[in-house]
Amino acid sequence: MGVYQDKLRFFRAGGELVPTPEEVAYQEKQHAEQEKQRAEQEKQRSDRLAAKLQELGIDPDSI
């Protein structure tokens, strides 16, 4: 236990700060948002590639 930013907090044996449940939830939310953005970027890339294949007369669902 110790004081961090004027609050009594728990620390691990190695001195690492143990996150509060709120901090964990915030980190998980941030991670989920990043994954959502990454998935959207991949979907856009896939859509562009499918459109390019169609331009070339190739059915993207057939390959």
PDB file of N, CA and C in Angstrom:
ATOM      1  N   MET A   1       0.844  -1.171   0.000  1.00  0.00           N
ATOM      2  CA  MET A   1       0.000   0.000   0.000  1.00  0.00           C
ATOM      3  C   MET A   1       0.886   1.230   0.000  1.00  0.00           C
ATOM      4  N   GLY A   2       0.346   2.260  -0.592  1.00  0.00           N
ATOM      5  CA  GLY A   2       1.080   3.505  -0.637  1.00  0.00           C
ATOM      6  C   GLY A   2       0.177   4.613  -1.118  1.00  0.00           C
ATOM      7  N   VAL A   3       0.743   5.797  -1.226  1.00  0.00           N
ATOM      8  CA  VAL A   3      -0.011   6.957  -1.698  1.00  0.00           C
ATOM      9  C   VAL A   3       0.427   7.259  -3.122  1.00  0.00           C
ATOM     10  N   TYR A   4      -0.551   7.395  -3.996  1.00  0.00           N
ATOM     11  CA  TYR A   4      -0.306   7.726  -5.395  1.00  0.00           C
ATOM     12  C   TYR A   4      -1.314   8.787  -5.793  1.00  0.00           C
ATOM     13  N   GLN A   5      -0.833   9.924  -6.264  1.00  0.00           N
ATOM     14  CA  GLN A   5      -1.685  11.060  -6.642  1.00  0.00           C
ATOM     15  C   GLN A   5      -2.665  11.403  -5.523  1.00  0.00           C
ATOM     16  N   ASP A   6      -2.138  11.510  -4.334  1.00  0.00           N
ATOM     17  CA  ASP A   6      -2.902  11.890  -3.137  1.00  0.00           C
ATOM     18  C   ASP A   6      -4.002  10.899  -2.760  1.00  0.00           C
ATOM     19  N   LYS A   7      -3.882   9.652  -3.234  1.00  0.00           N
ATOM     20  CA  LYS A   7      -4.864   8.619  -2.885  1.00  0.00           C
ATOM     21  C   LYS A   7      -4.127   7.391  -2.369  1.00  0.00           C
ATOM     22  N   LEU A   8      -4.740   6.730  -1.413  1.00  0.00           N
ATOM     23  CA  LEU A   8      -4.193   5.486  -0.896  1.00  0.00           C
ATOM     24  C   LEU A   8      -4.452   4.390  -1.928  1.00  0.00           C
ATOM     25  N   ARG A   9      -3.368   3.757  -2.390  1.00  0.00           N
ATOM     26  CA  ARG A   9      -3.488   2.760  -3.462  1.00  0.00           C
ATOM     27  C   ARG A   9      -2.710   1.506  -3.115  1.00  0.00           C
ATOM     28  N   PHE A  10      -3.058   0.423  -3.782  1.00  0.00           N
ATOM     29  CA  PHE A  10      -2.332  -0.827  -3.635  1.00  0.00           C
ATOM     30  C   PHE A  10      -1.236  -0.914  -4.684  1.00  0.00           C
ATOM     31  N   PHE A  11      -0.128  -1.495  -4.293  1.00  0.00           N
ATOM     32  CA  PHE A  11       0.989  -1.734  -5.199  1.00  0.00           C
ATOM     33  C   PHE A  11       1.372  -3.200  -5.101  1.00  0.00           C
ATOM     34  N   ARG A  12       1.863  -3.755  -6.196  1.00  0.00           N
ATOM     35  CA  ARG A  12       2.360  -5.132  -6.185  1.00  0.00           C
ATOM     36  C   ARG A  12       3.732  -5.151  -5.522  1.00  0.00           C
ATOM     37  N   ALA A  13       4.218  -6.337  -5.236  1.00  0.00           N
ATOM     38  CA  ALA A  13       5.499  -6.481  -4.546  1.00  0.00           C
ATOM     39  C   ALA A  13       6.629  -5.781  -5.297  1.00  0.00           C
ATOM     40  N   GLY A  14       6.555  -5.773  -6.618  1.00  0.00           N
ATOM     41  CA  GLY A  14       7.596  -5.134  -7.429  1.00  0.00           C
ATOM     42  C   GLY A  14       7.433  -3.637  -7.554  1.00  0.00           C
ATOM     43  N   GLY A  15       6.433  -3.067  -6.902  1.00  0.00           N
ATOM     44  CA  GLY A  15       6.218  -1.626  -6.945  1.00  0.00           C
ATOM     45  C   GLY A  15       5.229  -1.178  -8.010  1.00  0.00           C
ATOM     46  N   GLU A  16       4.653  -2.123  -8.744  1.00  0.00           N
ATOM     47  CA  GLU A  16       3.701  -1.792  -9.797  1.00  0.00           C
ATOM     48  C   GLU A  16       2.339  -1.436  -9.183  1.00  0.00           C
ATOM     49  N   LEU A  17       1.774  -0.349  -9.652  1.00  0.00           N
ATOM     50  CA  LEU A  17       0.480   0.116  -9.180  1.00  0.00           C
ATOM     51  C   LEU A  17      -0.615  -0.855  -9.622  1.00  0.00           C
ATOM     52  N   VAL A  18      -1.477  -1.236  -8.701  1.00  0.00           N
ATOM     53  CA  VAL A  18      -2.619  -2.094  -9.013  1.00  0.00           C
ATOM     54  C   VAL A  18      -3.751  -1.175  -9.475  1.00  0.00           C
ATOM     55  N   PRO A  19      -4.240  -1.376 -10.711  1.00  0.00           N
ATOM     56  CA  PRO A  19      -5.292  -0.485 -11.202  1.00  0.00           C
ATOM     57  C   PRO A  19      -6.611  -0.678 -10.455  1.00  0.00           C
ATOM     58  N   THR A  20      -7.355   0.407 -10.343  1.00  0.00           N
ATOM     59  CA  THR A  20      -8.678   0.344  -9.728  1.00  0.00           C
ATOM     60  C   THR A  20      -9.640  -0.297 -10.734  1.00  0.00           C
ATOM     61  N   PRO A  21     -10.788  -0.771 -10.279  1.00  0.00           N
ATOM     62  CA  PRO A  21     -11.772  -1.317 -11.226  1.00  0.00           C
ATOM     63  C   PRO A  21     -12.166  -0.304 -12.303  1.00  0.00           C
ATOM     64  N   GLU A  22     -12.231   0.963 -11.942  1.00  0.00           N
ATOM     65  CA  GLU A  22     -12.574   1.999 -12.915  1.00  0.00           C
ATOM     66  C   GLU A  22     -11.482   2.137 -13.963  1.00  0.00           C
ATOM     67  N   GLU A  23     -10.236   2.062 -13.527  1.00  0.00           N
ATOM     68  CA  GLU A  23      -9.119   2.160 -14.474  1.00  0.00           C
ATOM     69  C   GLU A  23      -9.099   0.961 -15.413  1.00  0.00           C
ATOM     70  N   VAL A  24      -9.386  -0.213 -14.872  1.00  0.00           N
ATOM     71  CA  VAL A  24      -9.438  -1.421 -15.701  1.00  0.00           C
ATOM     72  C   VAL A  24     -10.562  -1.296 -16.727  1.00  0.00           C
ATOM     73  N   ALA A  25     -11.724  -0.841 -16.305  1.00  0.00           N
ATOM     74  CA  ALA A  25     -12.864  -0.677 -17.220  1.00  0.00           C
ATOM     75  C   ALA A  25     -12.529   0.326 -18.318  1.00  0.00           C
ATOM     76  N   TYR A  26     -11.875   1.420 -17.951  1.00  0.00           N
ATOM     77  CA  TYR A  26     -11.492   2.437 -18.930  1.00  0.00           C
ATOM     78  C   TYR A  26     -10.505   1.852 -19.943  1.00  0.00           C
ATOM     79  N   GLN A  27      -9.523   1.099 -19.462  1.00  0.00           N
ATOM     80  CA  GLN A  27      -8.540   0.487 -20.359  1.00  0.00           C
ATOM     81  C   GLN A  27      -9.213  -0.504 -21.299  1.00  0.00           C
ATOM     82  N   GLU A  28     -10.142  -1.283 -20.781  1.00  0.00           N
ATOM     83  CA  GLU A  28     -10.853  -2.249 -21.615  1.00  0.00           C
ATOM     84  C   GLU A  28     -11.707  -1.550 -22.659  1.00  0.00           C
ATOM     85  N   LYS A  29     -12.325  -0.450 -22.273  1.00  0.00           N
ATOM     86  CA  LYS A  29     -13.135   0.320 -23.219  1.00  0.00           C
ATOM     87  C   LYS A  29     -12.254   0.890 -24.322  1.00  0.00           C
ATOM     88  N   GLN A  30     -11.097   1.409 -23.955  1.00  0.00           N
ATOM     89  CA  GLN A  30     -10.169   1.962 -24.946  1.00  0.00           C
ATOM     90  C   GLN A  30      -9.710   0.864 -25.905  1.00  0.00           C
ATOM     91  N   HIS A  31      -9.391  -0.290 -25.352  1.00  0.00           N
ATOM     92  CA  HIS A  31      -8.940  -1.412 -26.179  1.00  0.00           C
ATOM     93  C   HIS A  31     -10.051  -1.849 -27.140  1.00  0.00           C
ATOM     94  N   ALA A  32     -11.270  -1.923 -26.654  1.00  0.00           N
ATOM     95  CA  ALA A  32     -12.401  -2.315 -27.494  1.00  0.00           C
ATOM     96  C   ALA A  32     -12.613  -1.304 -28.614  1.00  0.00           C
ATOM     97  N   GLU A  33     -12.466  -0.030 -28.309  1.00  0.00           N
ATOM     98  CA  GLU A  33     -12.629   1.015 -29.333  1.00  0.00           C
ATOM     99  C   GLU A  33     -11.540   0.899 -30.397  1.00  0.00           C
ATOM    100  N   GLN A  34     -10.317   0.622 -29.983  1.00  0.00           N
ATOM    101  CA  GLN A  34      -9.223   0.448 -30.939  1.00  0.00           C
ATOM    102  C   GLN A  34      -9.482  -0.757 -31.839  1.00  0.00           C
ATOM    103  N   GLU A  35      -9.964  -1.841 -31.261  1.00  0.00           N
ATOM    104  CA  GLU A  35     -10.270  -3.029 -32.045  1.00  0.00           C
ATOM    105  C   GLU A  35     -11.405  -2.765 -33.034  1.00  0.00           C
ATOM    106  N   LYS A  36     -12.393  -1.995 -32.598  1.00  0.00           N
ATOM    107  CA  LYS A  36     -13.511  -1.640 -33.475  1.00  0.00           C
ATOM    108  C   LYS A  36     -13.007  -0.817 -34.664  1.00  0.00           C
ATOM    109  N   GLN A  37     -12.125   0.131 -34.398  1.00  0.00           N
ATOM    110  CA  GLN A  37     -11.563   0.951 -35.469  1.00  0.00           C
ATOM    111  C   GLN A  37     -10.725   0.107 -36.425  1.00  0.00           C
ATOM    112  N   ARG A  38      -9.934  -0.813 -35.879  1.00  0.00           N
ATOM    113  CA  ARG A  38      -9.116  -1.681 -36.714  1.00  0.00           C
ATOM    114  C   ARG A  38     -10.002  -2.553 -37.610  1.00  0.00           C
ATOM    115  N   ALA A  39     -11.071  -3.083 -37.033  1.00  0.00           N
ATOM    116  CA  ALA A  39     -11.987  -3.922 -37.807  1.00  0.00           C
ATOM    117  C   ALA A  39     -12.656  -3.114 -38.919  1.00  0.00           C
ATOM    118  N   GLU A  40     -13.028  -1.888 -38.635  1.00  0.00           N
ATOM    119  CA  GLU A  40     -13.652  -1.034 -39.654  1.00  0.00           C
ATOM    120  C   GLU A  40     -12.657  -0.732 -40.782  1.00  0.00           C
ATOM    121  N   GLN A  41     -11.406  -0.479 -40.434  1.00  0.00           N
ATOM    122  CA  GLN A  41     -10.386  -0.233 -41.457  1.00  0.00           C
ATOM    123  C   GLN A  41     -10.196  -1.465 -42.344  1.00  0.00           C
ATOM    124  N   GLU A  42     -10.184  -2.644 -41.729  1.00  0.00           N
ATOM    125  CA  GLU A  42     -10.039  -3.880 -42.497  1.00  0.00           C
ATOM    126  C   GLU A  42     -11.246  -4.106 -43.409  1.00  0.00           C
ATOM    127  N   LYS A  43     -12.436  -3.776 -42.919  1.00  0.00           N
ATOM    128  CA  LYS A  43     -13.648  -3.915 -43.747  1.00  0.00           C
ATOM    129  C   LYS A  43     -13.585  -2.981 -44.949  1.00  0.00           C
ATOM    130  N   GLN A  44     -13.148  -1.745 -44.724  1.00  0.00           N
ATOM    131  CA  GLN A  44     -13.023  -0.789 -45.824  1.00  0.00           C
ATOM    132  C   GLN A  44     -12.002  -1.277 -46.852  1.00  0.00           C
ATOM    133  N   ARG A  45     -10.901  -1.822 -46.356  1.00  0.00           N
ATOM    134  CA  ARG A  45      -9.864  -2.348 -47.259  1.00  0.00           C
ATOM    135  C   ARG A  45     -10.430  -3.507 -48.080  1.00  0.00           C
ATOM    136  N   SER A  46     -11.148  -4.389 -47.414  1.00  0.00           N
ATOM    137  CA  SER A  46     -11.750  -5.527 -48.099  1.00  0.00           C
ATOM    138  C   SER A  46     -12.742  -5.065 -49.162  1.00  0.00           C
ATOM    139  N   ASP A  47     -13.545  -4.065 -48.823  1.00  0.00           N
ATOM    140  CA  ASP A  47     -14.519  -3.536 -49.780  1.00  0.00           C
ATOM    141  C   ASP A  47     -13.820  -2.922 -50.992  1.00  0.00           C
ATOM    142  N   ARG A  48     -12.716  -2.207 -50.761  1.00  0.00           N
ATOM    143  CA  ARG A  48     -11.966  -1.601 -51.878  1.00  0.00           C
ATOM    144  C   ARG A  48     -11.378  -2.683 -52.787  1.00  0.00           C
ATOM    145  N   LEU A  49     -10.842  -3.720 -52.171  1.00  0.00           N
ATOM    146  CA  LEU A  49     -10.266  -4.803 -52.969  1.00  0.00           C
ATOM    147  C   LEU A  49     -11.344  -5.521 -53.775  1.00  0.00           C
ATOM    148  N   ALA A  50     -12.498  -5.749 -53.157  1.00  0.00           N
ATOM    149  CA  ALA A  50     -13.600  -6.398 -53.868  1.00  0.00           C
ATOM    150  C   ALA A  50     -14.056  -5.532 -55.046  1.00  0.00           C
ATOM    151  N   ALA A  51     -14.123  -4.218 -54.849  1.00  0.00           N
ATOM    152  CA  ALA A  51     -14.523  -3.313 -55.931  1.00  0.00           C
ATOM    153  C   ALA A  51     -13.507  -3.347 -57.060  1.00  0.00           C
ATOM    154  N   LYS A  52     -12.238  -3.393 -56.724  1.00  0.00           N
ATOM    155  CA  LYS A  52     -11.195  -3.438 -57.751  1.00  0.00           C
ATOM    156  C   LYS A  52     -11.282  -4.738 -58.541  1.00  0.00           C
ATOM    157  N   LEU A  53     -11.513  -5.844 -57.851  1.00  0.00           N
ATOM    158  CA  LEU A  53     -11.673  -7.112 -58.556  1.00  0.00           C
ATOM    159  C   LEU A  53     -12.863  -7.066 -59.505  1.00  0.00           C
ATOM    160  N   GLN A  54     -13.954  -6.467 -59.056  1.00  0.00           N
ATOM    161  CA  GLN A  54     -15.137  -6.357 -59.918  1.00  0.00           C
ATOM    162  C   GLN A  54     -14.836  -5.491 -61.141  1.00  0.00           C
ATOM    163  N   GLU A  55     -14.041  -4.431 -60.954  1.00  0.00           N
ATOM    164  CA  GLU A  55     -13.625  -3.596 -62.088  1.00  0.00           C
ATOM    165  C   GLU A  55     -12.880  -4.420 -63.121  1.00  0.00           C
ATOM    166  N   LEU A  56     -12.117  -5.389 -62.631  1.00  0.00           N
ATOM    167  CA  LEU A  56     -11.325  -6.236 -63.522  1.00  0.00           C
ATOM    168  C   LEU A  56     -12.118  -7.421 -64.062  1.00  0.00           C
ATOM    169  N   GLY A  57     -13.418  -7.444 -63.738  1.00  0.00           N
ATOM    170  CA  GLY A  57     -14.283  -8.502 -64.233  1.00  0.00           C
ATOM    171  C   GLY A  57     -14.191  -9.805 -63.456  1.00  0.00           C
ATOM    172  N   ILE A  58     -13.698  -9.723 -62.225  1.00  0.00           N
ATOM    173  CA  ILE A  58     -13.562 -10.912 -61.395  1.00  0.00           C
ATOM    174  C   ILE A  58     -14.575 -10.836 -60.260  1.00  0.00           C
ATOM    175  N   ASP A  59     -15.311 -11.932 -60.097  1.00  0.00           N
ATOM    176  CA  ASP A  59     -16.264 -11.988 -58.995  1.00  0.00           C
ATOM    177  C   ASP A  59     -15.507 -12.298 -57.703  1.00  0.00           C
ATOM    178  N   PRO A  60     -15.437 -11.356 -56.764  1.00  0.00           N
ATOM    179  CA  PRO A  60     -14.653 -11.588 -55.552  1.00  0.00           C
ATOM    180  C   PRO A  60     -15.145 -12.759 -54.711  1.00  0.00           C
ATOM    181  N   ASP A  61     -16.414 -13.124 -54.860  1.00  0.00           N
ATOM    182  CA  ASP A  61     -16.959 -14.250 -54.098  1.00  0.00           C
ATOM    183  C   ASP A  61     -16.561 -15.597 -54.695  1.00  0.00           C
ATOM    184  N   SER A  62     -16.009 -15.567 -55.916  1.00  0.00           N
ATOM    185  CA  SER A  62     -15.656 -16.832 -56.563  1.00  0.00           C
ATOM    186  C   SER A  62     -14.204 -17.224 -56.289  1.00  0.00           C
ATOM    187  N   ILE A  63     -13.447 -16.356 -55.660  1.00  0.00           N
ATOM    188  CA  ILE A  63     -12.040 -16.705 -55.396  1.00  0.00           C
ATOM    189  C   ILE A  63     -11.781 -16.928 -53.932  1.00  0.00           C
TER     190      ILE A  63
END
